[in-house]
Amino acid sequence: MKMILSILFVLFGLLQYEFWFSDGGMRTVWKMQHEINQQKKINAELDHRNQLLIAEIDELQNGTTAIESHARSDLGMVKKGEVFYRIVQKQDKK
């Protein structure tokens, strides 16, 4: 009887080792869950960025305020009747 219990105990220990530490065991599962969570965060950030880009594209295609804003900031354009002021910083002479 003691021999059978000893063999069963050793088999149980080997099975536990396989379950916790082998390739495909719980350690691998935890690692993969961690990687999945990281990828979900990355995907959420990219999705948010895509939504912002889609909104900007829609505004550029359908609205005039975004086009006007880009023309003013990127090209330095002004509306008729507006006065443009440029402030130049004084540079130190050395």
Protein backbone atom coordinates (compact mmCIF):
# COMPACT_ATOMS: atom_id res chain seq x y z
CA MET A 1 0.00 0.00 0.00
CA LYS A 2 2.83 2.38 0.87
CA MET A 3 4.45 1.67 -2.49
CA ILE A 4 1.29 2.61 -4.40
CA LEU A 5 0.88 5.81 -2.37
CA SER A 6 4.51 6.71 -2.99
CA ILE A 7 4.13 6.16 -6.74
CA LEU A 8 0.91 8.18 -6.81
CA PHE A 9 2.57 10.99 -4.85
CA VAL A 10 5.51 11.10 -7.28
CA LEU A 11 3.14 11.09 -10.28
CA PHE A 12 1.10 13.87 -8.70
CA GLY A 13 4.27 15.91 -8.17
CA LEU A 14 5.32 15.40 -11.80
CA LEU A 15 1.89 16.42 -13.03
CA GLN A 16 1.97 19.53 -10.86
CA TYR A 17 5.40 20.43 -12.23
CA GLU A 18 4.09 20.01 -15.78
CA PHE A 19 1.03 22.10 -14.96
CA TRP A 20 2.93 25.04 -13.43
CA PHE A 21 6.34 25.14 -15.08
CA SER A 22 6.35 23.33 -18.42
CA ASP A 23 6.04 24.94 -21.83
CA GLY A 24 2.32 25.54 -22.22
CA GLY A 25 1.76 25.50 -18.46
CA MET A 26 0.37 28.22 -16.23
CA ARG A 27 3.52 30.35 -16.45
CA THR A 28 3.10 30.50 -20.22
CA VAL A 29 -0.60 31.32 -19.84
CA TRP A 30 0.16 34.22 -17.47
CA LYS A 31 2.84 35.54 -19.82
CA MET A 32 0.45 35.41 -22.78
CA GLN A 33 -2.31 37.13 -20.80
CA HIS A 34 0.12 39.92 -19.94
CA GLU A 35 1.10 40.28 -23.61
CA ILE A 36 -2.57 40.33 -24.63
CA ASN A 37 -3.31 43.10 -22.13
CA GLN A 38 -0.38 45.15 -23.43
CA GLN A 39 -1.54 44.68 -27.02
CA LYS A 40 -5.09 45.71 -26.07
CA LYS A 41 -3.71 48.97 -24.62
CA ILE A 42 -1.70 49.62 -27.79
CA ASN A 43 -4.75 48.86 -29.94
CA ALA A 44 -6.93 51.22 -27.89
CA GLU A 45 -4.39 54.05 -28.31
CA LEU A 46 -4.17 53.42 -32.05
CA ASP A 47 -7.95 53.29 -32.33
CA HIS A 48 -8.23 56.62 -30.53
CA ARG A 49 -5.65 58.14 -32.88
CA ASN A 50 -7.51 56.74 -35.89
CA GLN A 51 -10.79 58.24 -34.66
CA LEU A 52 -9.11 61.66 -34.35
CA LEU A 53 -7.72 61.36 -37.86
CA ILE A 54 -11.10 60.31 -39.24
CA ALA A 55 -12.74 63.32 -37.56
CA GLU A 56 -10.08 65.64 -38.99
CA ILE A 57 -10.53 64.18 -42.47
CA ASP A 58 -14.29 64.59 -42.21
CA GLU A 59 -13.88 68.19 -41.10
CA LEU A 60 -11.49 68.93 -43.95
CA GLN A 61 -13.84 67.38 -46.49
CA ASN A 62 -17.07 68.93 -45.23
CA GLY A 63 -16.24 72.02 -43.17
CA THR A 64 -14.49 75.28 -43.86
CA THR A 65 -13.15 76.08 -40.40
CA ALA A 66 -10.46 73.39 -40.52
CA ILE A 67 -9.34 74.49 -43.98
CA GLU A 68 -9.25 78.10 -42.84
CA SER A 69 -7.30 77.16 -39.72
CA HIS A 70 -4.70 75.25 -41.76
CA ALA A 71 -4.42 78.09 -44.27
CA ARG A 72 -3.83 80.62 -41.49
CA SER A 73 -1.31 78.60 -39.50
CA ASP A 74 0.58 76.79 -42.27
CA LEU A 75 0.46 79.30 -45.11
CA GLY A 76 0.19 82.57 -43.16
CA MET A 77 -2.95 83.64 -45.02
CA VAL A 78 -5.23 86.42 -43.74
CA LYS A 79 -8.81 87.34 -44.56
CA LYS A 80 -9.68 90.41 -46.54
CA GLY A 81 -9.77 93.42 -44.23
CA GLU A 82 -7.59 91.83 -41.53
CA VAL A 83 -4.23 93.21 -40.49
CA PHE A 84 -1.34 90.80 -40.02
CA TYR A 85 1.22 91.54 -37.30
CA ARG A 86 4.49 89.66 -36.99
CA ILE A 87 6.51 90.00 -33.81
CA VAL A 88 10.21 89.48 -34.35
CA GLN A 89 12.42 88.59 -31.41
CA LYS A 90 15.55 90.64 -30.95
CA GLN A 91 18.68 88.53 -31.38
CA ASP A 92 21.79 89.06 -29.31
CA LYS A 93 24.91 90.03 -31.25
CA LYS A 94 28.06 88.27 -30.14
